[in-house]
Protein backbone atom coordinates (compact mmCIF):
# COMPACT_ATOMS: atom_id res chain seq x y z
CA MET A 1 106.73 69.20 110.16
CA THR A 2 110.22 68.13 107.67
CA MET A 3 111.54 69.44 104.97
CA THR A 4 111.29 67.65 101.95
CA ASP A 5 113.16 68.79 98.55
CA ASN A 6 109.96 70.29 97.34
CA ASP A 7 110.06 73.03 100.29
CA PRO A 8 111.01 76.36 99.09
CA GLN A 9 114.58 77.73 99.86
CA PHE A 10 115.23 81.20 100.34
CA GLU A 11 118.05 83.54 100.13
CA TYR A 12 117.56 86.10 102.74
CA SER A 13 118.99 89.76 102.16
CA GLU A 14 122.08 91.04 104.48
CA PHE A 15 119.15 93.93 105.52
CA SER A 16 116.76 91.01 107.02
CA GLY A 17 116.77 90.85 110.79
CA GLU A 18 115.20 93.14 113.67
CA PHE A 19 114.30 96.24 113.36
CA ILE A 20 113.68 98.67 116.66
CA ASP A 21 112.42 101.97 116.79
CA ASP A 22 110.39 104.08 119.33
CA ASP A 23 110.37 100.95 121.72
CA VAL A 24 108.98 98.48 118.73
CA THR A 25 110.61 95.46 117.55
CA VAL A 26 109.70 94.19 114.65
CA ILE A 27 111.49 91.31 112.15
CA LEU A 28 112.37 92.37 108.36
CA ARG A 29 112.44 90.10 105.73
CA ILE A 30 114.21 90.38 102.55
CA TYR A 31 114.45 87.68 100.34
CA ARG A 32 114.03 85.71 96.80
CA PRO A 33 114.10 82.07 95.99
CA ALA A 34 117.72 80.58 96.34
CA GLY A 35 119.92 80.32 93.43
CA THR A 36 117.93 82.64 91.29
CA ASN A 37 117.91 86.46 90.29
CA HIS A 38 114.49 87.11 90.86
CA ASP A 39 113.43 90.14 92.63
CA TRP A 40 113.27 90.45 96.16
CA VAL A 41 110.31 90.10 98.54
CA LEU A 42 109.70 92.38 101.51
CA LYS A 43 107.61 91.15 104.53
CA VAL A 44 107.34 93.03 108.15
CA CYS A 45 106.58 91.07 110.76
CA ASP A 46 105.59 92.23 114.64
CA GLU A 47 105.91 90.83 117.77
CA GLU A 48 102.30 89.25 117.88
CA GLY A 49 102.98 87.33 114.66
CA ASN A 50 101.12 89.93 112.13
CA THR A 51 102.53 90.16 108.67
CA THR A 52 102.67 92.96 106.36
CA VAL A 53 103.68 92.27 102.89
CA TRP A 54 104.36 94.48 99.92
CA ASN A 55 102.98 93.73 97.01
CA TYR A 56 105.26 94.20 94.12
CA PRO A 57 108.65 92.60 94.63
CA PHE A 58 112.08 95.05 94.35
CA ASP A 59 114.55 94.40 91.79
CA THR A 60 117.36 94.69 94.33
CA ASP A 61 117.39 94.00 98.22
CA ARG A 62 118.23 97.63 98.99
CA GLU A 63 115.68 99.29 97.26
CA ALA A 64 113.18 96.93 99.59
CA PHE A 65 114.82 98.14 102.39
CA GLU A 66 115.20 101.65 101.48
CA GLU A 67 111.05 101.39 101.08
CA PHE A 68 110.76 100.21 104.29
CA LEU A 69 112.95 102.94 105.93
CA ALA A 70 110.94 105.32 104.20
CA THR A 71 107.49 103.66 104.96
CA VAL A 72 108.75 103.89 108.96
CA GLN A 73 109.60 107.80 108.32
CA ARG A 74 106.47 108.52 106.78
CA ASP A 75 104.11 106.10 108.73
CA GLY A 76 105.91 105.34 111.58
CA ILE A 77 107.20 102.18 113.00
CA ARG A 78 103.97 101.48 114.58
CA SER A 79 101.96 101.35 111.69
CA PHE A 80 103.02 97.41 111.18
CA LEU A 81 101.42 97.01 114.65
CA ASP A 82 97.75 97.51 113.23
CA GLU A 83 96.01 94.51 110.96
CA PRO A 84 98.31 92.85 108.93
CA VAL A 85 98.20 94.68 105.20
CA GLN A 86 99.52 94.59 101.95
CA LYS A 87 101.15 97.23 100.69
CA LEU A 88 100.41 98.66 97.06
CA TYR A 89 103.54 100.38 96.71
């Protein structure tokens, strides 16, 4: 598969990357379309490729990251290892 001019390009937040807690690693992606001021999407992928995506975008990348941290504190990092879900926050 090759990228074309029609493929979407994304700007990733500096908060994106690997996150490790309780011996579990997830990949945190906070992104928006490149070159825009659109809201930020929050997505978490586990080691098995399961993905959790929040239904609603965030005004800032920091708000998205803080929501991720609050979810880890409230539900635990292992909550991302379950079946993929759409978060309703």
